[in-house]
Amino acid sequence: MLLARLAQVSQEVAATSARSRKIALLAELFRDAEADDVPIVIPYLAG
């Protein structure tokens, strides 16, 4: 997964107050992520 995509989604999640939009953005990110990327993506988004 490209770091740019992860950063973009993170910014979009931070910019919206709609919980459903946040869920949709994150769901799409995780669907598209390679299995090896998930352990990296989760801590990045958490924090």
N, C-alpha and C. Protein backbone atom coordinates (compact mmCIF):
# COMPACT_ATOMS: atom_id res chain seq x y z
N MET A 1 0.85 -1.17 0.00
CA MET A 1 0.00 0.00 0.00
C MET A 1 0.90 1.23 0.00
N LEU A 2 0.50 2.18 -0.73
CA LEU A 2 1.28 3.40 -0.80
C LEU A 2 1.05 4.26 0.43
N LEU A 3 2.12 4.79 0.95
CA LEU A 3 2.03 5.66 2.12
C LEU A 3 1.16 6.88 1.83
N ALA A 4 1.22 7.36 0.60
CA ALA A 4 0.41 8.52 0.23
C ALA A 4 -1.07 8.23 0.38
N ARG A 5 -1.50 7.03 0.02
CA ARG A 5 -2.93 6.67 0.16
C ARG A 5 -3.33 6.61 1.62
N LEU A 6 -2.48 6.04 2.43
CA LEU A 6 -2.75 5.97 3.87
C LEU A 6 -2.86 7.36 4.47
N ALA A 7 -1.95 8.24 4.10
CA ALA A 7 -1.98 9.61 4.61
C ALA A 7 -3.23 10.35 4.13
N GLN A 8 -3.61 10.13 2.89
CA GLN A 8 -4.80 10.78 2.33
C GLN A 8 -6.05 10.35 3.09
N VAL A 9 -6.21 9.05 3.29
CA VAL A 9 -7.39 8.56 4.00
C VAL A 9 -7.39 9.07 5.44
N SER A 10 -6.24 9.10 6.07
CA SER A 10 -6.15 9.61 7.43
C SER A 10 -6.62 11.06 7.50
N GLN A 11 -6.22 11.87 6.54
CA GLN A 11 -6.65 13.27 6.50
C GLN A 11 -8.15 13.38 6.26
N GLU A 12 -8.68 12.54 5.37
CA GLU A 12 -10.12 12.58 5.08
C GLU A 12 -10.93 12.17 6.30
N VAL A 13 -10.46 11.18 7.03
CA VAL A 13 -11.15 10.74 8.25
C VAL A 13 -11.14 11.87 9.28
N ALA A 14 -10.01 12.53 9.43
CA ALA A 14 -9.91 13.63 10.39
C ALA A 14 -10.78 14.82 10.00
N ALA A 15 -11.00 14.99 8.71
CA ALA A 15 -11.72 16.16 8.23
C ALA A 15 -13.24 16.02 8.27
N THR A 16 -13.73 14.80 8.45
CA THR A 16 -15.18 14.61 8.45
C THR A 16 -15.68 14.30 9.86
N SER A 17 -16.87 14.78 10.16
CA SER A 17 -17.47 14.48 11.45
C SER A 17 -18.49 13.36 11.34
N ALA A 18 -18.82 12.96 10.12
CA ALA A 18 -19.82 11.92 9.90
C ALA A 18 -19.23 10.54 10.17
N ARG A 19 -19.75 9.89 11.18
CA ARG A 19 -19.24 8.57 11.55
C ARG A 19 -19.36 7.58 10.40
N SER A 20 -20.47 7.62 9.67
CA SER A 20 -20.67 6.69 8.56
C SER A 20 -19.64 6.91 7.46
N ARG A 21 -19.25 8.16 7.23
CA ARG A 21 -18.22 8.45 6.21
C ARG A 21 -16.86 7.95 6.66
N LYS A 22 -16.55 8.12 7.95
CA LYS A 22 -15.29 7.62 8.49
C LYS A 22 -15.21 6.10 8.30
N ILE A 23 -16.30 5.41 8.63
CA ILE A 23 -16.34 3.96 8.49
C ILE A 23 -16.15 3.56 7.04
N ALA A 24 -16.82 4.25 6.14
CA ALA A 24 -16.71 3.93 4.71
C ALA A 24 -15.28 4.13 4.21
N LEU A 25 -14.65 5.21 4.61
CA LEU A 25 -13.27 5.47 4.20
C LEU A 25 -12.32 4.39 4.71
N LEU A 26 -12.47 4.05 5.98
CA LEU A 26 -11.58 3.04 6.56
C LEU A 26 -11.86 1.65 5.99
N ALA A 27 -13.12 1.33 5.76
CA ALA A 27 -13.46 0.03 5.18
C ALA A 27 -12.84 -0.12 3.80
N GLU A 28 -12.91 0.93 3.01
CA GLU A 28 -12.32 0.87 1.67
C GLU A 28 -10.81 0.71 1.76
N LEU A 29 -10.19 1.43 2.67
CA LEU A 29 -8.74 1.33 2.85
C LEU A 29 -8.34 -0.09 3.21
N PHE A 30 -9.04 -0.69 4.17
CA PHE A 30 -8.69 -2.05 4.59
C PHE A 30 -9.01 -3.09 3.53
N ARG A 31 -10.06 -2.88 2.76
CA ARG A 31 -10.38 -3.80 1.66
C ARG A 31 -9.26 -3.82 0.62
N ASP A 32 -8.71 -2.65 0.35
CA ASP A 32 -7.69 -2.52 -0.68
C ASP A 32 -6.28 -2.86 -0.18
N ALA A 33 -6.10 -2.93 1.12
CA ALA A 33 -4.78 -3.16 1.69
C ALA A 33 -4.33 -4.60 1.48
N GLU A 34 -3.06 -4.76 1.25
CA GLU A 34 -2.46 -6.09 1.22
C GLU A 34 -2.41 -6.61 2.66
N ALA A 35 -2.49 -7.91 2.81
CA ALA A 35 -2.49 -8.50 4.16
C ALA A 35 -1.26 -8.10 4.96
N ASP A 36 -0.13 -7.98 4.29
CA ASP A 36 1.11 -7.61 4.98
C ASP A 36 1.11 -6.15 5.45
N ASP A 37 0.24 -5.34 4.86
CA ASP A 37 0.19 -3.92 5.22
C ASP A 37 -0.67 -3.64 6.46
N VAL A 38 -1.60 -4.51 6.76
CA VAL A 38 -2.56 -4.26 7.84
C VAL A 38 -1.88 -4.01 9.19
N PRO A 39 -0.85 -4.80 9.58
CA PRO A 39 -0.20 -4.52 10.86
C PRO A 39 0.50 -3.16 10.92
N ILE A 40 0.77 -2.57 9.77
CA ILE A 40 1.37 -1.24 9.73
C ILE A 40 0.29 -0.17 9.73
N VAL A 41 -0.79 -0.42 9.00
CA VAL A 41 -1.87 0.55 8.84
C VAL A 41 -2.57 0.83 10.17
N ILE A 42 -2.85 -0.19 10.93
CA ILE A 42 -3.62 -0.03 12.17
C ILE A 42 -2.92 0.90 13.17
N PRO A 43 -1.67 0.67 13.52
CA PRO A 43 -1.02 1.60 14.46
C PRO A 43 -0.89 3.02 13.90
N TYR A 44 -0.68 3.14 12.59
CA TYR A 44 -0.58 4.47 11.99
C TYR A 44 -1.88 5.24 12.19
N LEU A 45 -2.99 4.59 11.94
CA LEU A 45 -4.28 5.25 12.07
C LEU A 45 -4.67 5.47 13.54
N ALA A 46 -4.21 4.58 14.41
CA ALA A 46 -4.55 4.70 15.82
C ALA A 46 -3.76 5.81 16.51
N GLY A 47 -2.64 6.16 15.91
CA GLY A 47 -1.93 7.07 16.50
C GLY A 47 -1.00 7.98 16.81
